Amino acid sequence: MSTFLYGANIAANGIRQHVLRYGGSGEGRTERDTVVLVPGVTSPAITWGFVGERLGRNFDTYVLDVRGRGLSSASDTLDYSLEAQTADVLALVQALGLARFALVGHSMGGRIVARAAAQAPAGLSRVVIVDPPVSGPGRRAYPANYAWYADSIAAASIGCDREAMRKFCPTWTDAQLDLRAEWLHTCDPRAIKSSFDGFHTDDIHACLPAIRVPALLMTAERGDVVLPDDVAEIERLLPGVRHHRVPGAGHMIPWDNEAGFYAGFGDFLGTPV
């Protein structure tokens, strides 16, 4: 049975923020944290719906369309900086009236939730940072070519099918390709370029020592975004952080090893995912 409840548009931080809600606050969930999931750079909320479905079994779960993606606000003048994205999340949890919540972010979303957690918002209990880009000033470049993003968005914007999308994501299933081909056009190229550039100009490490809630770092065994030396640095900057490396997974962890992704949470959120 599906745990999907509804999609909603929330006015927060001066923009429209679109979320998908799973699970709700039914029997047995009242004392558990609400989970707010923040996806990566070209991942509208709907593309993380399968994860929302799973989290919804045990948690009241919101999956966010980050500004400039999906059905959230986008425009030629909108600020797409990490600071604005972080302010969105902080305003969203307040607008939703969440008394106790956990933040989970993948890739770009991992940088957003780390920055948000460092600001110690009321009600935040835990933060899960999944394979975050560790590039930044004076660091190695993010291991991706911006043209890959630009070309795939251009293809989706004029309309394409799974076979056209397959050249960009050759290991994905037909269902995953169909969903990406359908929704990728909602990613504003300005937003993607701003976030990609921000991977190299924003120092995400600086905020880590300010995080005071329990933190879980989840990384990809086959990925080259977070290397063992990066993990060691994060562990120095964020003492007590729990780390789990998902076997057999590349950067898009739940696409490569979905079961391993869920197992990586363990009991960190209070009960197994």
C-alpha atoms as a PDB file:
ATOM      1  CA  MET A   1       0.000   0.000   0.000  1.00  0.00           C
ATOM      2  CA  SER A   2       1.309   3.431  -0.931  1.00  0.00           C
ATOM      3  CA  THR A   3       2.268   5.811   1.875  1.00  0.00           C
ATOM      4  CA  PHE A   4       1.883   8.868  -0.366  1.00  0.00           C
ATOM      5  CA  LEU A   5      -0.587  11.401   1.021  1.00  0.00           C
ATOM      6  CA  TYR A   6      -0.470  14.544  -1.110  1.00  0.00           C
ATOM      7  CA  GLY A   7       1.593  17.295  -2.680  1.00  0.00           C
ATOM      8  CA  ALA A   8       1.369  20.815  -1.298  1.00  0.00           C
ATOM      9  CA  ASN A   9       2.650  24.319  -1.928  1.00  0.00           C
ATOM     10  CA  ILE A  10       3.936  26.139   1.152  1.00  0.00           C
ATOM     11  CA  ALA A  11       4.597  29.881   1.278  1.00  0.00           C
ATOM     12  CA  ALA A  12       7.920  30.145   3.120  1.00  0.00           C
ATOM     13  CA  ASN A  13      10.971  32.421   2.855  1.00  0.00           C
ATOM     14  CA  GLY A  14       9.128  34.550   0.329  1.00  0.00           C
ATOM     15  CA  ILE A  15       8.710  31.812  -2.303  1.00  0.00           C
ATOM     16  CA  ARG A  16       6.466  28.873  -3.130  1.00  0.00           C
ATOM     17  CA  GLN A  17       7.980  25.650  -1.808  1.00  0.00           C
ATOM     18  CA  HIS A  18       6.465  22.452  -3.141  1.00  0.00           C
ATOM     19  CA  VAL A  19       6.607  19.292  -1.031  1.00  0.00           C
ATOM     20  CA  LEU A  20       5.381  15.723  -1.293  1.00  0.00           C
ATOM     21  CA  ARG A  21       4.129  14.183   1.944  1.00  0.00           C
ATOM     22  CA  TYR A  22       4.299  10.506   2.833  1.00  0.00           C
ATOM     23  CA  GLY A  23       3.173   8.539   5.864  1.00  0.00           C
ATOM     24  CA  GLY A  24       1.621  11.271   7.944  1.00  0.00           C
ATOM     25  CA  SER A  25       1.406  11.323  11.728  1.00  0.00           C
ATOM     26  CA  GLY A  26      -0.825   8.326  12.300  1.00  0.00           C
ATOM     27  CA  GLU A  27      -0.843   5.751  15.054  1.00  0.00           C
ATOM     28  CA  GLY A  28       2.605   4.763  16.292  1.00  0.00           C
ATOM     29  CA  ARG A  29       4.344   7.751  14.724  1.00  0.00           C
ATOM     30  CA  THR A  30       3.422  10.543  17.103  1.00  0.00           C
ATOM     31  CA  GLU A  31       6.661  10.314  19.086  1.00  0.00           C
ATOM     32  CA  ARG A  32       8.930   9.853  16.074  1.00  0.00           C
ATOM     33  CA  ASP A  33      10.742  12.634  14.289  1.00  0.00           C
ATOM     34  CA  THR A  34       9.274  14.037  11.128  1.00  0.00           C
ATOM     35  CA  VAL A  35      11.756  13.559   8.288  1.00  0.00           C
ATOM     36  CA  VAL A  36      12.421  16.366   5.802  1.00  0.00           C
ATOM     37  CA  LEU A  37      14.303  15.081   2.748  1.00  0.00           C
ATOM     38  CA  VAL A  38      16.255  17.512   0.560  1.00  0.00           C
ATOM     39  CA  PRO A  39      17.326  16.036  -2.830  1.00  0.00           C
ATOM     40  CA  GLY A  40      20.321  16.812  -5.009  1.00  0.00           C
ATOM     41  CA  VAL A  41      21.101  19.281  -7.756  1.00  0.00           C
ATOM     42  CA  THR A  42      18.891  17.934 -10.577  1.00  0.00           C
ATOM     43  CA  SER A  43      16.468  15.844  -8.554  1.00  0.00           C
ATOM     44  CA  PRO A  44      12.911  17.159  -8.271  1.00  0.00           C
ATOM     45  CA  ALA A  45      11.039  15.729  -5.286  1.00  0.00           C
ATOM     46  CA  ILE A  46       9.088  13.248  -7.391  1.00  0.00           C
ATOM     47  CA  THR A  47      12.307  11.474  -8.393  1.00  0.00           C
ATOM     48  CA  TRP A  48      12.839  10.662  -4.699  1.00  0.00           C
ATOM     49  CA  GLY A  49       9.269   9.475  -4.335  1.00  0.00           C
ATOM     50  CA  PHE A  50      10.334   5.848  -3.966  1.00  0.00           C
ATOM     51  CA  VAL A  51      12.444   6.822  -0.955  1.00  0.00           C
ATOM     52  CA  GLY A  52       9.581   8.896   0.428  1.00  0.00           C
ATOM     53  CA  GLU A  53       7.339   5.837   0.104  1.00  0.00           C
ATOM     54  CA  ARG A  54       9.759   3.771   2.184  1.00  0.00           C
ATOM     55  CA  LEU A  55      10.361   6.436   4.830  1.00  0.00           C
ATOM     56  CA  GLY A  56       6.615   6.958   5.011  1.00  0.00           C
ATOM     57  CA  ARG A  57       6.170   3.487   6.471  1.00  0.00           C
ATOM     58  CA  ASN A  58       7.621   4.648   9.771  1.00  0.00           C
ATOM     59  CA  PHE A  59       7.910   8.430   9.614  1.00  0.00           C
ATOM     60  CA  ASP A  60       5.900  11.484   8.705  1.00  0.00           C
ATOM     61  CA  THR A  61       7.978  12.490   5.675  1.00  0.00           C
ATOM     62  CA  TYR A  62       8.238  15.568   3.469  1.00  0.00           C
ATOM     63  CA  VAL A  63      10.288  15.547   0.257  1.00  0.00           C
ATOM     64  CA  LEU A  64      11.189  19.030  -0.972  1.00  0.00           C
ATOM     65  CA  ASP A  65      11.447  20.535  -4.423  1.00  0.00           C
ATOM     66  CA  VAL A  66      14.464  22.794  -3.879  1.00  0.00           C
ATOM     67  CA  ARG A  67      13.914  26.253  -5.395  1.00  0.00           C
ATOM     68  CA  GLY A  68      14.394  26.153  -9.155  1.00  0.00           C
ATOM     69  CA  ARG A  69      13.395  22.493  -9.363  1.00  0.00           C
ATOM     70  CA  GLY A  70      10.092  20.685  -9.760  1.00  0.00           C
ATOM     71  CA  LEU A  71       7.078  22.776  -8.768  1.00  0.00           C
ATOM     72  CA  SER A  72       8.809  25.206  -6.404  1.00  0.00           C
ATOM     73  CA  SER A  73       9.429  28.820  -7.384  1.00  0.00           C
ATOM     74  CA  ALA A  74      11.819  29.568 -10.233  1.00  0.00           C
ATOM     75  CA  SER A  75      12.545  32.756 -12.159  1.00  0.00           C
ATOM     76  CA  ASP A  76      15.195  34.663 -14.075  1.00  0.00           C
ATOM     77  CA  THR A  77      15.993  36.711 -10.974  1.00  0.00           C
ATOM     78  CA  LEU A  78      15.580  34.258  -8.087  1.00  0.00           C
ATOM     79  CA  ASP A  79      18.561  33.813  -5.769  1.00  0.00           C
ATOM     80  CA  TYR A  80      19.809  30.234  -6.137  1.00  0.00           C
ATOM     81  CA  SER A  81      22.667  30.433  -3.643  1.00  0.00           C
ATOM     82  CA  LEU A  82      23.335  27.917  -0.888  1.00  0.00           C
ATOM     83  CA  GLU A  83      22.387  30.592   1.623  1.00  0.00           C
ATOM     84  CA  ALA A  84      18.968  31.032   0.024  1.00  0.00           C
ATOM     85  CA  GLN A  85      18.418  27.272  -0.176  1.00  0.00           C
ATOM     86  CA  THR A  86      19.331  26.904   3.486  1.00  0.00           C
ATOM     87  CA  ALA A  87      16.990  29.725   4.469  1.00  0.00           C
ATOM     88  CA  ASP A  88      14.226  27.950   2.519  1.00  0.00           C
ATOM     89  CA  VAL A  89      14.582  24.791   4.585  1.00  0.00           C
ATOM     90  CA  LEU A  90      14.645  26.701   7.863  1.00  0.00           C
ATOM     91  CA  ALA A  91      11.543  28.665   6.861  1.00  0.00           C
ATOM     92  CA  LEU A  92       9.779  25.533   5.610  1.00  0.00           C
ATOM     93  CA  VAL A  93      10.075  23.575   8.851  1.00  0.00           C
ATOM     94  CA  GLN A  94       8.796  26.613  10.706  1.00  0.00           C
ATOM     95  CA  ALA A  95       5.863  27.071   8.319  1.00  0.00           C
ATOM     96  CA  LEU A  96       4.980  23.399   8.694  1.00  0.00           C
ATOM     97  CA  GLY A  97       4.996  23.786  12.477  1.00  0.00           C
ATOM     98  CA  LEU A  98       7.338  20.851  13.009  1.00  0.00           C
ATOM     99  CA  ALA A  99       8.064  20.435  16.727  1.00  0.00           C
ATOM    100  CA  ARG A 100      10.710  17.731  16.255  1.00  0.00           C
ATOM    101  CA  PHE A 101      12.307  16.783  12.960  1.00  0.00           C
ATOM    102  CA  ALA A 102      15.307  15.217  11.242  1.00  0.00           C
ATOM    103  CA  LEU A 103      16.919  16.604   8.107  1.00  0.00           C
ATOM    104  CA  VAL A 104      18.139  14.204   5.412  1.00  0.00           C
ATOM    105  CA  GLY A 105      19.961  15.592   2.375  1.00  0.00           C
ATOM    106  CA  HIS A 106      21.629  13.988  -0.622  1.00  0.00           C
ATOM    107  CA  SER A 107      24.521  15.567  -2.539  1.00  0.00           C
ATOM    108  CA  MET A 108      23.622  19.270  -2.891  1.00  0.00           C
ATOM    109  CA  GLY A 109      20.889  18.553  -0.360  1.00  0.00           C
ATOM    110  CA  GLY A 110      23.554  17.247   2.009  1.00  0.00           C
ATOM    111  CA  ARG A 111      25.314  20.600   1.878  1.00  0.00           C
ATOM    112  CA  ILE A 112      22.011  22.375   2.479  1.00  0.00           C
ATOM    113  CA  VAL A 113      21.048  20.324   5.538  1.00  0.00           C
ATOM    114  CA  ALA A 114      24.555  20.618   6.991  1.00  0.00           C
ATOM    115  CA  ARG A 115      24.389  24.400   6.695  1.00  0.00           C
ATOM    116  CA  ALA A 116      20.872  24.392   8.147  1.00  0.00           C
ATOM    117  CA  ALA A 117      21.863  22.151  11.064  1.00  0.00           C
ATOM    118  CA  ALA A 118      24.754  24.473  11.913  1.00  0.00           C
ATOM    119  CA  GLN A 119      22.191  27.216  12.566  1.00  0.00           C
ATOM    120  CA  ALA A 120      20.583  25.085  15.307  1.00  0.00           C
ATOM    121  CA  PRO A 121      16.932  25.507  14.330  1.00  0.00           C
ATOM    122  CA  ALA A 122      14.413  24.810  17.081  1.00  0.00           C
ATOM    123  CA  GLY A 123      13.153  21.233  16.910  1.00  0.00           C
ATOM    124  CA  LEU A 124      16.057  19.765  14.937  1.00  0.00           C
ATOM    125  CA  SER A 125      17.014  16.421  16.471  1.00  0.00           C
ATOM    126  CA  ARG A 126      19.248  14.708  13.862  1.00  0.00           C
ATOM    127  CA  VAL A 127      20.886  15.323  10.499  1.00  0.00           C
ATOM    128  CA  VAL A 128      21.797  12.811   7.786  1.00  0.00           C
ATOM    129  CA  ILE A 129      24.313  14.008   5.178  1.00  0.00           C
ATOM    130  CA  VAL A 130      24.424  11.709   2.149  1.00  0.00           C
ATOM    131  CA  ASP A 131      27.474  11.838  -0.157  1.00  0.00           C
ATOM    132  CA  PRO A 132      27.869  15.645  -0.055  1.00  0.00           C
ATOM    133  CA  PRO A 133      30.202  17.385  -2.519  1.00  0.00           C
ATOM    134  CA  VAL A 134      33.299  18.213  -0.494  1.00  0.00           C
ATOM    135  CA  SER A 135      34.751  20.565  -3.091  1.00  0.00           C
ATOM    136  CA  GLY A 136      35.246  24.182  -2.169  1.00  0.00           C
ATOM    137  CA  PRO A 137      37.834  26.958  -2.057  1.00  0.00           C
ATOM    138  CA  GLY A 138      41.314  25.474  -2.301  1.00  0.00           C
ATOM    139  CA  ARG A 139      39.965  21.925  -2.672  1.00  0.00           C
ATOM    140  CA  ARG A 140      39.771  19.492  -5.558  1.00  0.00           C
ATOM    141  CA  ALA A 141      37.013  20.106  -8.079  1.00  0.00           C
ATOM    142  CA  TYR A 142      33.675  18.356  -7.889  1.00  0.00           C
ATOM    143  CA  PRO A 143      34.114  15.205 -10.028  1.00  0.00           C
ATOM    144  CA  ALA A 144      31.431  15.950 -12.614  1.00  0.00           C
ATOM    145  CA  ASN A 145      31.290  17.836 -15.897  1.00  0.00           C
ATOM    146  CA  TYR A 146      28.780  20.680 -15.958  1.00  0.00           C
ATOM    147  CA  ALA A 147      28.046  19.970 -19.622  1.00  0.00           C
ATOM    148  CA  TRP A 148      26.449  16.674 -18.553  1.00  0.00           C
ATOM    149  CA  TYR A 149      23.835  18.624 -16.606  1.00  0.00           C
ATOM    150  CA  ALA A 150      23.335  21.296 -19.251  1.00  0.00           C
ATOM    151  CA  ASP A 151      23.019  18.852 -22.141  1.00  0.00           C
ATOM    152  CA  SER A 152      20.589  16.539 -20.354  1.00  0.00           C
ATOM    153  CA  ILE A 153      18.378  19.449 -19.270  1.00  0.00           C
ATOM    154  CA  ALA A 154      18.409  20.820 -22.817  1.00  0.00           C
ATOM    155  CA  ALA A 155      17.290  17.433 -24.150  1.00  0.00           C
ATOM    156  CA  ALA A 156      14.498  17.182 -21.588  1.00  0.00           C
ATOM    157  CA  SER A 157      13.390  20.760 -22.232  1.00  0.00           C
ATOM    158  CA  ILE A 158      12.536  20.067 -25.870  1.00  0.00           C
ATOM    159  CA  GLY A 159      11.111  16.671 -25.000  1.00  0.00           C
ATOM    160  CA  CYS A 160      12.876  13.328 -24.935  1.00  0.00           C
ATOM    161  CA  ASP A 161      12.205   9.700 -24.119  1.00  0.00           C
ATOM    162  CA  ARG A 162      14.026   7.177 -21.989  1.00  0.00           C
ATOM    163  CA  GLU A 163      16.393   6.206 -24.806  1.00  0.00           C
ATOM    164  CA  ALA A 164      17.597   9.769 -25.222  1.00  0.00           C
ATOM    165  CA  MET A 165      18.068  10.006 -21.463  1.00  0.00           C
ATOM    166  CA  ARG A 166      19.859   6.663 -21.292  1.00  0.00           C
ATOM    167  CA  LYS A 167      23.060   8.109 -22.786  1.00  0.00           C
ATOM    168  CA  PHE A 168      23.287  10.342 -19.715  1.00  0.00           C
ATOM    169  CA  CYS A 169      22.319   7.665 -17.171  1.00  0.00           C
ATOM    170  CA  PRO A 170      23.228   4.328 -18.786  1.00  0.00           C
ATOM    171  CA  THR A 171      22.854   2.187 -15.664  1.00  0.00           C
ATOM    172  CA  TRP A 172      19.384   3.394 -14.687  1.00  0.00           C
ATOM    173  CA  THR A 173      16.246   1.304 -15.067  1.00  0.00           C
ATOM    174  CA  ASP A 174      13.581   2.139 -17.628  1.00  0.00           C
ATOM    175  CA  ALA A 175      11.301   3.448 -14.886  1.00  0.00           C
ATOM    176  CA  GLN A 176      14.029   5.718 -13.508  1.00  0.00           C
ATOM    177  CA  LEU A 177      14.815   7.031 -16.979  1.00  0.00           C
ATOM    178  CA  ASP A 178      11.137   7.680 -17.721  1.00  0.00           C
ATOM    179  CA  LEU A 179      10.783   9.754 -14.568  1.00  0.00           C
ATOM    180  CA  ARG A 180      13.943  11.752 -15.241  1.00  0.00           C
ATOM    181  CA  ALA A 181      12.926  12.400 -18.850  1.00  0.00           C
ATOM    182  CA  GLU A 182       9.534  13.625 -17.623  1.00  0.00           C
ATOM    183  CA  TRP A 183      10.734  15.942 -14.852  1.00  0.00           C
ATOM    184  CA  LEU A 184      14.250  17.133 -15.677  1.00  0.00           C
ATOM    185  CA  HIS A 185      12.906  20.039 -17.725  1.00  0.00           C
ATOM    186  CA  THR A 186      11.624  21.579 -14.469  1.00  0.00           C
ATOM    187  CA  CYS A 187      15.212  22.225 -13.376  1.00  0.00           C
ATOM    188  CA  ASP A 188      16.036  25.866 -14.111  1.00  0.00           C
ATOM    189  CA  PRO A 189      19.470  25.948 -15.810  1.00  0.00           C
ATOM    190  CA  ARG A 190      20.323  29.055 -13.758  1.00  0.00           C
ATOM    191  CA  ALA A 191      19.651  27.129 -10.561  1.00  0.00           C
ATOM    192  CA  ILE A 192      21.776  24.198 -11.643  1.00  0.00           C
ATOM    193  CA  LYS A 193      24.691  26.403 -12.729  1.00  0.00           C
ATOM    194  CA  SER A 194      24.531  28.396  -9.502  1.00  0.00           C
ATOM    195  CA  SER A 195      24.597  25.249  -7.374  1.00  0.00           C
ATOM    196  CA  PHE A 196      27.350  23.647  -9.453  1.00  0.00           C
ATOM    197  CA  ASP A 197      29.481  26.781  -9.174  1.00  0.00           C
ATOM    198  CA  GLY A 198      28.684  26.910  -5.466  1.00  0.00           C
ATOM    199  CA  PHE A 199      30.178  23.457  -5.020  1.00  0.00           C
ATOM    200  CA  HIS A 200      33.515  25.164  -5.708  1.00  0.00           C
ATOM    201  CA  THR A 201      33.018  28.508  -3.954  1.00  0.00           C
ATOM    202  CA  ASP A 202      31.094  27.599  -0.776  1.00  0.00           C
ATOM    203  CA  ASP A 203      33.127  26.218   2.120  1.00  0.00           C
ATOM    204  CA  ILE A 204      30.788  23.623   3.568  1.00  0.00           C
ATOM    205  CA  HIS A 205      33.436  22.363   5.995  1.00  0.00           C
ATOM    206  CA  ALA A 206      33.330  25.597   7.959  1.00  0.00           C
ATOM    207  CA  CYS A 207      29.847  24.888   9.259  1.00  0.00           C
ATOM    208  CA  LEU A 208      30.489  21.333  10.463  1.00  0.00           C
ATOM    209  CA  PRO A 209      31.934  22.179  13.915  1.00  0.00           C
ATOM    210  CA  ALA A 210      28.774  24.165  14.691  1.00  0.00           C
ATOM    211  CA  ILE A 211      26.476  21.133  14.319  1.00  0.00           C
ATOM    212  CA  ARG A 212      25.369  20.090  17.792  1.00  0.00           C
ATOM    213  CA  VAL A 213      22.820  17.360  17.008  1.00  0.00           C
ATOM    214  CA  PRO A 214      23.656  13.708  16.239  1.00  0.00           C
ATOM    215  CA  ALA A 215      24.886  13.395  12.657  1.00  0.00           C
ATOM    216  CA  LEU A 216      25.140  10.520  10.206  1.00  0.00           C
ATOM    217  CA  LEU A 217      27.398  10.693   7.146  1.00  0.00           C
ATOM    218  CA  MET A 218      26.492   8.202   4.428  1.00  0.00           C
ATOM    219  CA  THR A 219      28.864   7.765   1.496  1.00  0.00           C
ATOM    220  CA  ALA A 220      29.113   5.699  -1.673  1.00  0.00           C
ATOM    221  CA  GLU A 221      31.676   2.901  -1.885  1.00  0.00           C
ATOM    222  CA  ARG A 222      32.082   3.277  -5.662  1.00  0.00           C
ATOM    223  CA  GLY A 223      31.699   7.035  -5.719  1.00  0.00           C
ATOM    224  CA  ASP A 224      34.481   9.577  -6.048  1.00  0.00           C
ATOM    225  CA  VAL A 225      32.594  12.453  -4.423  1.00  0.00           C
ATOM    226  CA  VAL A 226      33.594  11.619  -0.834  1.00  0.00           C
ATOM    227  CA  LEU A 227      36.905   9.778  -0.529  1.00  0.00           C
ATOM    228  CA  PRO A 228      38.310   8.131   2.642  1.00  0.00           C
ATOM    229  CA  ASP A 229      40.503  11.158   3.390  1.00  0.00           C
ATOM    230  CA  ASP A 230      37.403  13.365   3.142  1.00  0.00           C
ATOM    231  CA  VAL A 231      35.600  11.152   5.631  1.00  0.00           C
ATOM    232  CA  ALA A 232      38.531  11.449   8.028  1.00  0.00           C
ATOM    233  CA  GLU A 233      38.443  15.249   7.760  1.00  0.00           C
ATOM    234  CA  ILE A 234      34.703  15.361   8.386  1.00  0.00           C
ATOM    235  CA  GLU A 235      35.161  13.117  11.408  1.00  0.00           C
ATOM    236  CA  ARG A 236      37.754  15.551  12.775  1.00  0.00           C
ATOM    237  CA  LEU A 237      35.525  18.558  12.199  1.00  0.00           C
ATOM    238  CA  LEU A 238      32.355  16.878  13.458  1.00  0.00           C
ATOM    239  CA  PRO A 239      33.390  14.631  16.359  1.00  0.00           C
ATOM    240  CA  GLY A 240      30.965  11.826  17.037  1.00  0.00           C
ATOM    241  CA  VAL A 241      29.555  11.740  13.513  1.00  0.00           C
ATOM    242  CA  ARG A 242      28.455   8.237  12.552  1.00  0.00           C
ATOM    243  CA  HIS A 243      29.705   7.074   9.154  1.00  0.00           C
ATOM    244  CA  HIS A 244      28.328   4.365   6.896  1.00  0.00           C
ATOM    245  CA  ARG A 245      29.762   3.512   3.478  1.00  0.00           C
ATOM    246  CA  VAL A 246      27.122   1.894   1.262  1.00  0.00           C
ATOM    247  CA  PRO A 247      28.588  -1.117  -0.569  1.00  0.00           C
ATOM    248  CA  GLY A 248      28.384  -1.301  -4.346  1.00  0.00           C
ATOM    249  CA  ALA A 249      26.863   2.164  -4.699  1.00  0.00           C
ATOM    250  CA  GLY A 250      27.888   5.155  -6.764  1.00  0.00           C
ATOM    251  CA  HIS A 251      26.914   8.727  -5.955  1.00  0.00           C
ATOM    252  CA  MET A 252      23.199   8.109  -6.640  1.00  0.00           C
ATOM    253  CA  ILE A 253      23.174   5.679  -3.738  1.00  0.00           C
ATOM    254  CA  PRO A 254      19.520   4.561  -3.555  1.00  0.00           C
ATOM    255  CA  TRP A 255      19.462   4.080  -7.329  1.00  0.00           C
ATOM    256  CA  ASP A 256      22.480   1.752  -7.142  1.00  0.00           C
ATOM    257  CA  ASN A 257      21.808  -0.079  -3.876  1.00  0.00           C
ATOM    258  CA  GLU A 258      18.402   0.811  -2.492  1.00  0.00           C
ATOM    259  CA  ALA A 259      18.418  -1.831   0.243  1.00  0.00           C
ATOM    260  CA  GLY A 260      21.930  -0.797   1.270  1.00  0.00           C
ATOM    261  CA  PHE A 261      20.819   2.836   1.451  1.00  0.00           C
ATOM    262  CA  TYR A 262      18.004   2.038   3.879  1.00  0.00           C
ATOM    263  CA  ALA A 263      20.264  -0.266   5.888  1.00  0.00           C
ATOM    264  CA  GLY A 264      22.748   2.586   6.202  1.00  0.00           C
ATOM    265  CA  PHE A 265      20.386   4.472   8.489  1.00  0.00           C
ATOM    266  CA  GLY A 266      20.408   1.662  11.042  1.00  0.00           C
ATOM    267  CA  ASP A 267      18.442   2.934  14.031  1.00  0.00           C
ATOM    268  CA  PHE A 268      19.772   6.478  13.640  1.00  0.00           C
ATOM    269  CA  LEU A 269      16.311   7.973  13.096  1.00  0.00           C
ATOM    270  CA  GLY A 270      14.988   6.207  16.184  1.00  0.00           C
ATOM    271  CA  THR A 271      13.704   3.124  14.414  1.00  0.00           C
ATOM    272  CA  PRO A 272      15.014   1.267  11.354  1.00  0.00           C
ATOM    273  CA  VAL A 273      13.964   2.630   7.983  1.00  0.00           C
END
